[in-house]
Amino acid sequence: MQRLRIGIVLTLMVLCLAAAAPAQPPPTTSGGSGMALLNLDNTVALHGYDPVSYFEREQPRPGNKRILERVGGATYYFTSRASRYTFLGNAPAYQPQFGGYCATSMAQGRLEDIDPESFVILDNKLYLFKDDAARARFLSDPRGTVAAASHNYFEQARKQRTYY
């Protein structure tokens, strides 16, 4: 009888621990998840622009093809080695949201390419846009746009994975 109780208690503990553990890593809208839907030019992200330059210089700058790093299936170019090291210190913080697709278009359920010079930094996250009109629509309701785009991003990523 004692062994039966111990067996039941151990089984319940295992079931509780299994239920508490997440089945997969939490979703991210940045490019670093490895399962993300990414806007790339032959593996190159941001049309070759340095992701750190959006944050540190507040002016995007094209990276140098000789100073690069590959993260999560995307290749990033940098203006300097210092910029590359900064990126490597916290890559997800510098990667664009929604895989580098236009945030406003994503909110409408569409995958559209971006103009790398049309962007917004909101809550320390990089959002990119296809043009200045899309950027203006984003700024009229940034929180609502981000919520809609987040939902659509994961739907689009799920659809893309079913094709492969």
N, C-alpha and C. Protein backbone atom coordinates (compact mmCIF):
# COMPACT_ATOMS: atom_id res chain seq x y z
N MET A 1 0.83 -1.19 0.00
CA MET A 1 0.00 0.00 0.00
C MET A 1 0.87 1.25 0.00
N GLN A 2 1.92 1.21 0.82
CA GLN A 2 2.84 2.34 0.90
C GLN A 2 3.49 2.60 -0.46
N ARG A 3 3.91 1.54 -1.17
CA ARG A 3 4.53 1.68 -2.49
C ARG A 3 3.55 2.27 -3.49
N LEU A 4 2.30 1.90 -3.41
CA LEU A 4 1.29 2.43 -4.32
C LEU A 4 1.12 3.92 -4.12
N ARG A 5 1.08 4.39 -2.89
CA ARG A 5 0.97 5.82 -2.59
C ARG A 5 2.19 6.58 -3.13
N ILE A 6 3.37 6.04 -2.90
CA ILE A 6 4.59 6.70 -3.40
C ILE A 6 4.56 6.77 -4.92
N GLY A 7 4.13 5.69 -5.55
CA GLY A 7 4.03 5.67 -7.03
C GLY A 7 3.06 6.71 -7.54
N ILE A 8 1.92 6.83 -6.87
CA ILE A 8 0.92 7.82 -7.29
C ILE A 8 1.45 9.24 -7.09
N VAL A 9 2.07 9.48 -5.95
CA VAL A 9 2.63 10.81 -5.68
C VAL A 9 3.70 11.16 -6.72
N LEU A 10 4.59 10.23 -7.02
CA LEU A 10 5.64 10.50 -8.02
C LEU A 10 5.04 10.75 -9.40
N THR A 11 4.03 9.98 -9.77
CA THR A 11 3.38 10.18 -11.06
C THR A 11 2.73 11.55 -11.13
N LEU A 12 2.06 11.95 -10.07
CA LEU A 12 1.44 13.28 -10.04
C LEU A 12 2.48 14.39 -10.12
N MET A 13 3.60 14.22 -9.45
CA MET A 13 4.66 15.23 -9.50
C MET A 13 5.21 15.37 -10.91
N VAL A 14 5.44 14.25 -11.57
CA VAL A 14 5.95 14.28 -12.95
C VAL A 14 4.95 14.98 -13.86
N LEU A 15 3.68 14.66 -13.72
CA LEU A 15 2.65 15.30 -14.55
C LEU A 15 2.57 16.80 -14.29
N CYS A 16 2.69 17.21 -13.05
CA CYS A 16 2.66 18.64 -12.72
C CYS A 16 3.86 19.36 -13.32
N LEU A 17 5.03 18.76 -13.21
CA LEU A 17 6.23 19.38 -13.79
C LEU A 17 6.14 19.46 -15.30
N ALA A 18 5.61 18.43 -15.94
CA ALA A 18 5.48 18.44 -17.39
C ALA A 18 4.49 19.50 -17.84
N ALA A 19 3.41 19.69 -17.11
CA ALA A 19 2.40 20.69 -17.46
C ALA A 19 2.95 22.10 -17.27
N ALA A 20 3.83 22.29 -16.30
CA ALA A 20 4.35 23.62 -16.02
C ALA A 20 5.42 24.05 -17.02
N ALA A 21 6.09 23.09 -17.65
CA ALA A 21 7.16 23.41 -18.60
C ALA A 21 6.56 23.83 -19.93
N PRO A 22 7.07 24.93 -20.53
CA PRO A 22 6.54 25.35 -21.82
C PRO A 22 6.92 24.34 -22.90
N ALA A 23 6.01 24.12 -23.84
CA ALA A 23 6.24 23.15 -24.91
C ALA A 23 7.27 23.64 -25.92
N GLN A 24 7.38 24.94 -26.09
CA GLN A 24 8.33 25.51 -27.02
C GLN A 24 8.76 26.87 -26.51
N PRO A 25 9.83 27.43 -27.07
CA PRO A 25 10.25 28.74 -26.59
C PRO A 25 9.19 29.79 -26.88
N PRO A 26 9.14 30.85 -26.08
CA PRO A 26 8.14 31.89 -26.32
C PRO A 26 8.36 32.53 -27.68
N PRO A 27 7.29 32.93 -28.36
CA PRO A 27 7.44 33.51 -29.69
C PRO A 27 8.15 34.86 -29.64
N THR A 28 8.82 35.16 -30.73
CA THR A 28 9.49 36.44 -30.88
C THR A 28 9.19 36.97 -32.26
N THR A 29 9.16 38.25 -32.41
CA THR A 29 8.95 38.82 -33.73
C THR A 29 10.26 39.26 -34.35
N SER A 30 11.35 39.00 -33.68
CA SER A 30 12.64 39.33 -34.26
C SER A 30 13.16 38.17 -35.07
N GLY A 31 14.23 38.39 -35.76
CA GLY A 31 14.78 37.38 -36.65
C GLY A 31 15.54 36.28 -35.97
N GLY A 32 15.77 36.34 -34.69
CA GLY A 32 16.66 35.40 -34.05
C GLY A 32 16.06 34.09 -33.60
N SER A 33 14.78 33.85 -33.84
CA SER A 33 14.17 32.65 -33.29
C SER A 33 14.54 31.39 -34.04
N GLY A 34 15.06 31.51 -35.26
CA GLY A 34 15.37 30.34 -36.04
C GLY A 34 14.15 29.77 -36.74
N MET A 35 12.95 30.04 -36.24
CA MET A 35 11.72 29.60 -36.86
C MET A 35 10.99 30.79 -37.47
N ALA A 36 11.62 31.92 -37.47
CA ALA A 36 10.96 33.15 -37.87
C ALA A 36 10.80 33.25 -39.38
N LEU A 37 9.86 34.06 -39.78
CA LEU A 37 9.64 34.42 -41.17
C LEU A 37 10.48 35.66 -41.41
N LEU A 38 11.47 35.57 -42.30
CA LEU A 38 12.44 36.66 -42.47
C LEU A 38 12.40 37.26 -43.86
N ASN A 39 12.52 38.57 -43.92
CA ASN A 39 12.61 39.32 -45.17
C ASN A 39 14.09 39.44 -45.51
N LEU A 40 14.56 38.61 -46.43
CA LEU A 40 15.98 38.56 -46.76
C LEU A 40 16.23 38.73 -48.24
N ASP A 41 17.38 39.32 -48.58
CA ASP A 41 17.89 39.36 -49.94
C ASP A 41 19.02 38.34 -50.00
N ASN A 42 18.69 37.12 -50.45
CA ASN A 42 19.73 36.09 -50.53
C ASN A 42 20.49 35.97 -49.21
N THR A 43 19.80 35.84 -48.14
CA THR A 43 20.23 35.71 -46.73
C THR A 43 20.57 37.04 -46.06
N VAL A 44 20.66 38.14 -46.79
CA VAL A 44 21.04 39.43 -46.20
C VAL A 44 19.81 40.17 -45.67
N ALA A 45 19.87 40.55 -44.39
CA ALA A 45 18.78 41.27 -43.74
C ALA A 45 18.95 42.78 -43.90
N LEU A 46 17.86 43.49 -43.79
CA LEU A 46 17.85 44.97 -43.79
C LEU A 46 18.46 45.58 -45.05
N HIS A 47 18.42 44.85 -46.15
CA HIS A 47 19.01 45.32 -47.41
C HIS A 47 20.47 45.73 -47.22
N GLY A 48 21.13 45.08 -46.26
CA GLY A 48 22.55 45.34 -46.03
C GLY A 48 22.84 46.48 -45.08
N TYR A 49 21.83 47.07 -44.48
CA TYR A 49 22.04 48.17 -43.54
C TYR A 49 22.49 47.63 -42.18
N ASP A 50 23.27 48.41 -41.48
CA ASP A 50 23.77 48.05 -40.15
C ASP A 50 22.64 48.19 -39.13
N PRO A 51 22.22 47.10 -38.46
CA PRO A 51 21.11 47.19 -37.50
C PRO A 51 21.42 48.08 -36.30
N VAL A 52 22.67 48.16 -35.90
CA VAL A 52 23.04 48.98 -34.74
C VAL A 52 22.91 50.46 -35.07
N SER A 53 23.15 50.83 -36.32
CA SER A 53 23.09 52.24 -36.71
C SER A 53 21.71 52.85 -36.50
N TYR A 54 20.67 52.05 -36.55
CA TYR A 54 19.32 52.56 -36.31
C TYR A 54 19.19 53.07 -34.87
N PHE A 55 19.87 52.43 -33.96
CA PHE A 55 19.75 52.76 -32.54
C PHE A 55 20.78 53.77 -32.08
N GLU A 56 22.00 53.63 -32.53
CA GLU A 56 23.07 54.48 -32.00
C GLU A 56 23.23 55.79 -32.75
N ARG A 57 22.97 55.77 -34.01
CA ARG A 57 23.15 56.99 -34.80
C ARG A 57 21.82 57.63 -35.17
N GLU A 58 20.74 56.88 -34.92
CA GLU A 58 19.40 57.30 -35.29
C GLU A 58 19.30 57.62 -36.77
N GLN A 59 20.25 57.13 -37.52
CA GLN A 59 20.26 57.28 -38.97
C GLN A 59 20.82 55.99 -39.54
N PRO A 60 20.00 55.23 -40.26
CA PRO A 60 20.51 53.96 -40.78
C PRO A 60 21.63 54.18 -41.79
N ARG A 61 22.62 53.28 -41.71
CA ARG A 61 23.75 53.37 -42.61
C ARG A 61 24.01 52.00 -43.22
N PRO A 62 24.34 51.97 -44.52
CA PRO A 62 24.67 50.69 -45.15
C PRO A 62 25.91 50.09 -44.49
N GLY A 63 25.86 48.77 -44.28
CA GLY A 63 26.99 48.08 -43.69
C GLY A 63 28.05 47.73 -44.72
N ASN A 64 29.17 47.28 -44.22
CA ASN A 64 30.30 46.84 -45.04
C ASN A 64 30.17 45.33 -45.24
N LYS A 65 30.22 44.87 -46.49
CA LYS A 65 30.05 43.45 -46.78
C LYS A 65 31.16 42.59 -46.18
N ARG A 66 32.24 43.20 -45.77
CA ARG A 66 33.35 42.45 -45.18
C ARG A 66 33.21 42.31 -43.65
N ILE A 67 32.32 43.08 -43.07
CA ILE A 67 32.09 43.00 -41.63
C ILE A 67 30.67 42.48 -41.45
N LEU A 68 30.55 41.19 -41.22
CA LEU A 68 29.23 40.57 -41.21
C LEU A 68 29.11 39.55 -40.09
N GLU A 69 27.87 39.21 -39.83
CA GLU A 69 27.57 38.16 -38.85
C GLU A 69 26.28 37.48 -39.28
N ARG A 70 26.25 36.18 -39.13
CA ARG A 70 25.05 35.40 -39.47
C ARG A 70 24.37 34.96 -38.17
N VAL A 71 23.09 35.35 -38.03
CA VAL A 71 22.32 35.03 -36.83
C VAL A 71 20.92 34.60 -37.25
N GLY A 72 20.51 33.43 -36.79
CA GLY A 72 19.14 32.97 -37.03
C GLY A 72 18.76 32.89 -38.49
N GLY A 73 19.69 32.53 -39.36
CA GLY A 73 19.39 32.41 -40.78
C GLY A 73 19.55 33.70 -41.56
N ALA A 74 19.85 34.79 -40.90
CA ALA A 74 20.01 36.08 -41.56
C ALA A 74 21.45 36.56 -41.44
N THR A 75 21.93 37.20 -42.49
CA THR A 75 23.26 37.79 -42.49
C THR A 75 23.11 39.29 -42.32
N TYR A 76 23.83 39.84 -41.36
CA TYR A 76 23.79 41.28 -41.09
C TYR A 76 25.15 41.87 -41.44
N TYR A 77 25.13 43.04 -42.07
CA TYR A 77 26.36 43.79 -42.37
C TYR A 77 26.48 44.94 -41.37
N PHE A 78 27.72 45.32 -41.07
CA PHE A 78 27.98 46.37 -40.08
C PHE A 78 28.93 47.41 -40.63
N THR A 79 28.82 48.62 -40.10
CA THR A 79 29.69 49.71 -40.54
C THR A 79 31.08 49.60 -39.95
N SER A 80 31.21 48.89 -38.82
CA SER A 80 32.50 48.75 -38.15
C SER A 80 32.52 47.48 -37.31
N ARG A 81 33.70 47.09 -36.89
CA ARG A 81 33.80 45.93 -36.00
C ARG A 81 33.15 46.24 -34.65
N ALA A 82 33.27 47.47 -34.19
CA ALA A 82 32.65 47.86 -32.93
C ALA A 82 31.13 47.69 -33.00
N SER A 83 30.54 48.04 -34.12
CA SER A 83 29.10 47.88 -34.31
C SER A 83 28.74 46.39 -34.28
N ARG A 84 29.54 45.58 -34.92
CA ARG A 84 29.31 44.13 -34.92
C ARG A 84 29.36 43.57 -33.50
N TYR A 85 30.35 43.98 -32.72
CA TYR A 85 30.47 43.50 -31.34
C TYR A 85 29.29 43.96 -30.48
N THR A 86 28.83 45.17 -30.72
CA THR A 86 27.66 45.67 -30.00
C THR A 86 26.45 44.79 -30.31
N PHE A 87 26.27 44.49 -31.57
CA PHE A 87 25.17 43.62 -32.01
C PHE A 87 25.26 42.25 -31.35
N LEU A 88 26.45 41.67 -31.35
CA LEU A 88 26.62 40.34 -30.79
C LEU A 88 26.38 40.31 -29.28
N GLY A 89 26.52 41.44 -28.62
CA GLY A 89 26.26 41.51 -27.19
C GLY A 89 24.80 41.30 -26.84
N ASN A 90 23.88 41.60 -27.78
CA ASN A 90 22.45 41.42 -27.56
C ASN A 90 21.72 41.48 -28.90
N ALA A 91 21.96 40.50 -29.73
CA ALA A 91 21.41 40.50 -31.10
C ALA A 91 19.89 40.70 -31.16
N PRO A 92 19.09 40.02 -30.33
CA PRO A 92 17.64 40.22 -30.44
C PRO A 92 17.20 41.67 -30.22
N ALA A 93 17.95 42.43 -29.46
CA ALA A 93 17.58 43.83 -29.22
C ALA A 93 17.74 44.68 -30.48
N TYR A 94 18.60 44.26 -31.39
CA TYR A 94 18.87 45.05 -32.59
C TYR A 94 18.16 44.52 -33.84
N GLN A 95 17.67 43.31 -33.79
CA GLN A 95 17.02 42.74 -34.96
C GLN A 95 15.66 43.40 -35.18
N PRO A 96 15.27 43.56 -36.45
CA PRO A 96 13.99 44.22 -36.74
C PRO A 96 12.81 43.35 -36.34
N GLN A 97 11.73 43.99 -35.98
CA GLN A 97 10.50 43.30 -35.64
C GLN A 97 9.84 42.78 -36.91
N PHE A 98 9.03 41.75 -36.76
CA PHE A 98 8.27 41.13 -37.84
C PHE A 98 9.17 40.64 -38.97
N GLY A 99 10.36 40.15 -38.59
CA GLY A 99 11.27 39.56 -39.56
C GLY A 99 11.82 40.53 -40.58
N GLY A 100 11.65 41.82 -40.33
CA GLY A 100 12.14 42.83 -41.27
C GLY A 100 11.14 43.19 -42.36
N TYR A 101 9.90 42.74 -42.21
CA TYR A 101 8.84 43.14 -43.15
C TYR A 101 8.21 44.43 -42.67
N CYS A 102 7.49 45.09 -43.58
CA CYS A 102 6.79 46.34 -43.25
C CYS A 102 5.77 46.07 -42.13
N ALA A 103 5.89 46.80 -41.03
CA ALA A 103 5.02 46.59 -39.86
C ALA A 103 3.56 46.93 -40.18
N THR A 104 3.33 48.01 -40.92
CA THR A 104 1.96 48.41 -41.25
C THR A 104 1.31 47.40 -42.18
N SER A 105 2.04 46.92 -43.17
CA SER A 105 1.51 45.91 -44.08
C SER A 105 1.23 44.61 -43.33
N MET A 106 2.13 44.26 -42.41
CA MET A 106 1.93 43.04 -41.62
C MET A 106 0.65 43.14 -40.79
N ALA A 107 0.36 44.34 -40.28
CA ALA A 107 -0.87 44.54 -39.50
C ALA A 107 -2.11 44.30 -40.37
N GLN A 108 -1.96 44.47 -41.67
CA GLN A 108 -3.06 44.23 -42.61
C GLN A 108 -3.02 42.83 -43.20
N GLY A 109 -2.08 42.01 -42.70
CA GLY A 109 -1.99 40.62 -43.14
C GLY A 109 -1.20 40.40 -44.41
N ARG A 110 -0.38 41.37 -44.79
CA ARG A 110 0.42 41.26 -46.02
C ARG A 110 1.91 41.29 -45.72
N LEU A 111 2.67 40.52 -46.48
CA LEU A 111 4.13 40.56 -46.41
C LEU A 111 4.62 41.52 -47.48
N GLU A 112 5.22 42.63 -47.06
CA GLU A 112 5.73 43.59 -48.03
C GLU A 112 7.14 44.00 -47.65
N ASP A 113 7.96 44.21 -48.67
CA ASP A 113 9.34 44.62 -48.49
C ASP A 113 9.38 46.02 -47.89
N ILE A 114 10.57 46.43 -47.48
CA ILE A 114 10.73 47.71 -46.78
C ILE A 114 11.69 48.63 -47.52
N ASP A 115 11.58 49.89 -47.19
CA ASP A 115 12.59 50.89 -47.51
C ASP A 115 13.43 50.97 -46.23
N PRO A 116 14.70 50.56 -46.26
CA PRO A 116 15.47 50.50 -45.01
C PRO A 116 15.67 51.85 -44.32
N GLU A 117 15.31 52.93 -45.00
CA GLU A 117 15.46 54.25 -44.38
C GLU A 117 14.14 54.77 -43.80
N SER A 118 13.08 53.98 -43.90
CA SER A 118 11.80 54.35 -43.32
C SER A 118 11.58 53.45 -42.10
N PHE A 119 11.73 54.03 -40.91
CA PHE A 119 11.71 53.22 -39.69
C PHE A 119 11.24 54.04 -38.49
N VAL A 120 10.94 53.32 -37.40
CA VAL A 120 10.60 53.91 -36.11
C VAL A 120 11.22 53.03 -35.04
N ILE A 121 11.79 53.66 -34.02
CA ILE A 121 12.22 52.95 -32.82
C ILE A 121 11.15 53.23 -31.77
N LEU A 122 10.47 52.17 -31.31
CA LEU A 122 9.42 52.30 -30.31
C LEU A 122 9.69 51.26 -29.22
N ASP A 123 9.77 51.71 -27.99
CA ASP A 123 10.07 50.81 -26.86
C ASP A 123 11.35 50.01 -27.12
N ASN A 124 12.34 50.67 -27.67
CA ASN A 124 13.65 50.06 -27.99
C ASN A 124 13.54 48.90 -28.97
N LYS A 125 12.57 48.94 -29.87
CA LYS A 125 12.43 47.94 -30.91
C LYS A 125 12.37 48.64 -32.26
N LEU A 126 12.95 47.97 -33.25
CA LEU A 126 13.04 48.53 -34.60
C LEU A 126 11.87 48.05 -35.46
N TYR A 127 11.10 49.01 -35.97
CA TYR A 127 10.00 48.73 -36.88
C TYR A 127 10.34 49.38 -38.21
N LEU A 128 10.15 48.63 -39.29
CA LEU A 128 10.48 49.10 -40.64
C LEU A 128 9.21 49.22 -41.47
N PHE A 129 9.29 50.06 -42.52
CA PHE A 129 8.11 50.34 -43.34
C PHE A 129 8.47 50.38 -44.81
N LYS A 130 7.46 50.14 -45.66
CA LYS A 130 7.68 50.14 -47.10
C LYS A 130 7.86 51.56 -47.64
N ASP A 131 7.26 52.53 -46.95
CA ASP A 131 7.40 53.93 -47.38
C ASP A 131 6.98 54.84 -46.22
N ASP A 132 7.08 56.14 -46.45
CA ASP A 132 6.75 57.09 -45.38
C ASP A 132 5.26 57.14 -45.07
N ALA A 133 4.41 56.81 -46.04
CA ALA A 133 2.97 56.77 -45.79
C ALA A 133 2.64 55.63 -44.81
N ALA A 134 3.27 54.48 -44.98
CA ALA A 134 3.06 53.35 -44.06
C ALA A 134 3.58 53.72 -42.67
N ARG A 135 4.68 54.43 -42.63
CA ARG A 135 5.25 54.89 -41.34
C ARG A 135 4.26 55.82 -40.64
N ALA A 136 3.66 56.74 -41.39
CA ALA A 136 2.69 57.68 -40.81
C ALA A 136 1.47 56.94 -40.28
N ARG A 137 0.98 55.92 -41.01
CA ARG A 137 -0.16 55.13 -40.53
C ARG A 137 0.20 54.40 -39.23
N PHE A 138 1.42 53.89 -39.15
CA PHE A 138 1.89 53.23 -37.93
C PHE A 138 1.87 54.21 -36.76
N LEU A 139 2.37 55.41 -36.98
CA LEU A 139 2.47 56.41 -35.91
C LEU A 139 1.11 56.91 -35.43
N SER A 140 0.08 56.74 -36.26
CA SER A 140 -1.26 57.17 -35.83
C SER A 140 -1.83 56.24 -34.76
N ASP A 141 -1.40 54.98 -34.73
CA ASP A 141 -1.84 54.02 -33.70
C ASP A 141 -0.76 52.94 -33.55
N PRO A 142 0.37 53.28 -32.95
CA PRO A 142 1.47 52.30 -32.89
C PRO A 142 1.14 51.04 -32.11
N ARG A 143 0.48 51.16 -30.98
CA ARG A 143 0.18 49.97 -30.15
C ARG A 143 -0.80 49.03 -30.87
N GLY A 144 -1.81 49.60 -31.47
CA GLY A 144 -2.78 48.78 -32.21
C GLY A 144 -2.15 48.11 -33.41
N THR A 145 -1.29 48.84 -34.11
CA THR A 145 -0.62 48.28 -35.27
C THR A 145 0.30 47.14 -34.87
N VAL A 146 1.04 47.32 -33.79
CA VAL A 146 1.96 46.28 -33.32
C VAL A 146 1.16 45.03 -32.91
N ALA A 147 0.05 45.21 -32.22
CA ALA A 147 -0.76 44.06 -31.80
C ALA A 147 -1.28 43.29 -33.01
N ALA A 148 -1.83 44.01 -33.99
CA ALA A 148 -2.35 43.35 -35.19
C ALA A 148 -1.23 42.69 -35.99
N ALA A 149 -0.11 43.38 -36.12
CA ALA A 149 1.02 42.84 -36.87
C ALA A 149 1.59 41.60 -36.19
N SER A 150 1.64 41.60 -34.87
CA SER A 150 2.16 40.43 -34.14
C SER A 150 1.29 39.21 -34.41
N HIS A 151 0.00 39.39 -34.33
CA HIS A 151 -0.91 38.28 -34.61
C HIS A 151 -0.69 37.77 -36.04
N ASN A 152 -0.67 38.67 -37.00
CA ASN A 152 -0.54 38.28 -38.41
C ASN A 152 0.82 37.69 -38.72
N TYR A 153 1.85 38.17 -38.05
CA TYR A 153 3.20 37.64 -38.28
C TYR A 153 3.25 36.15 -37.97
N PHE A 154 2.71 35.76 -36.83
CA PHE A 154 2.75 34.36 -36.46
C PHE A 154 1.85 33.51 -37.35
N GLU A 155 0.74 34.08 -37.81
CA GLU A 155 -0.11 33.38 -38.76
C GLU A 155 0.63 33.17 -40.09
N GLN A 156 1.29 34.22 -40.58
CA GLN A 156 2.05 34.11 -41.83
C GLN A 156 3.18 33.10 -41.69
N ALA A 157 3.88 33.12 -40.57
CA ALA A 157 4.98 32.19 -40.34
C ALA A 157 4.46 30.75 -40.31
N ARG A 158 3.32 30.55 -39.66
CA ARG A 158 2.73 29.21 -39.61
C ARG A 158 2.36 28.72 -41.00
N LYS A 159 1.77 29.59 -41.80
CA LYS A 159 1.39 29.22 -43.18
C LYS A 159 2.63 28.88 -44.00
N GLN A 160 3.68 29.68 -43.87
CA GLN A 160 4.90 29.43 -44.64
C GLN A 160 5.52 28.10 -44.26
N ARG A 161 5.50 27.75 -42.98
CA ARG A 161 6.10 26.49 -42.55
C ARG A 161 5.33 25.29 -43.09
N THR A 162 4.02 25.43 -43.34
CA THR A 162 3.26 24.30 -43.86
C THR A 162 3.62 24.02 -45.31
N TYR A 163 4.20 24.98 -46.02
CA TYR A 163 4.57 24.77 -47.41
C TYR A 163 5.90 24.03 -47.56
N TYR A 164 6.69 23.96 -46.50
CA TYR A 164 8.03 23.36 -46.61
C TYR A 164 8.08 21.98 -46.00
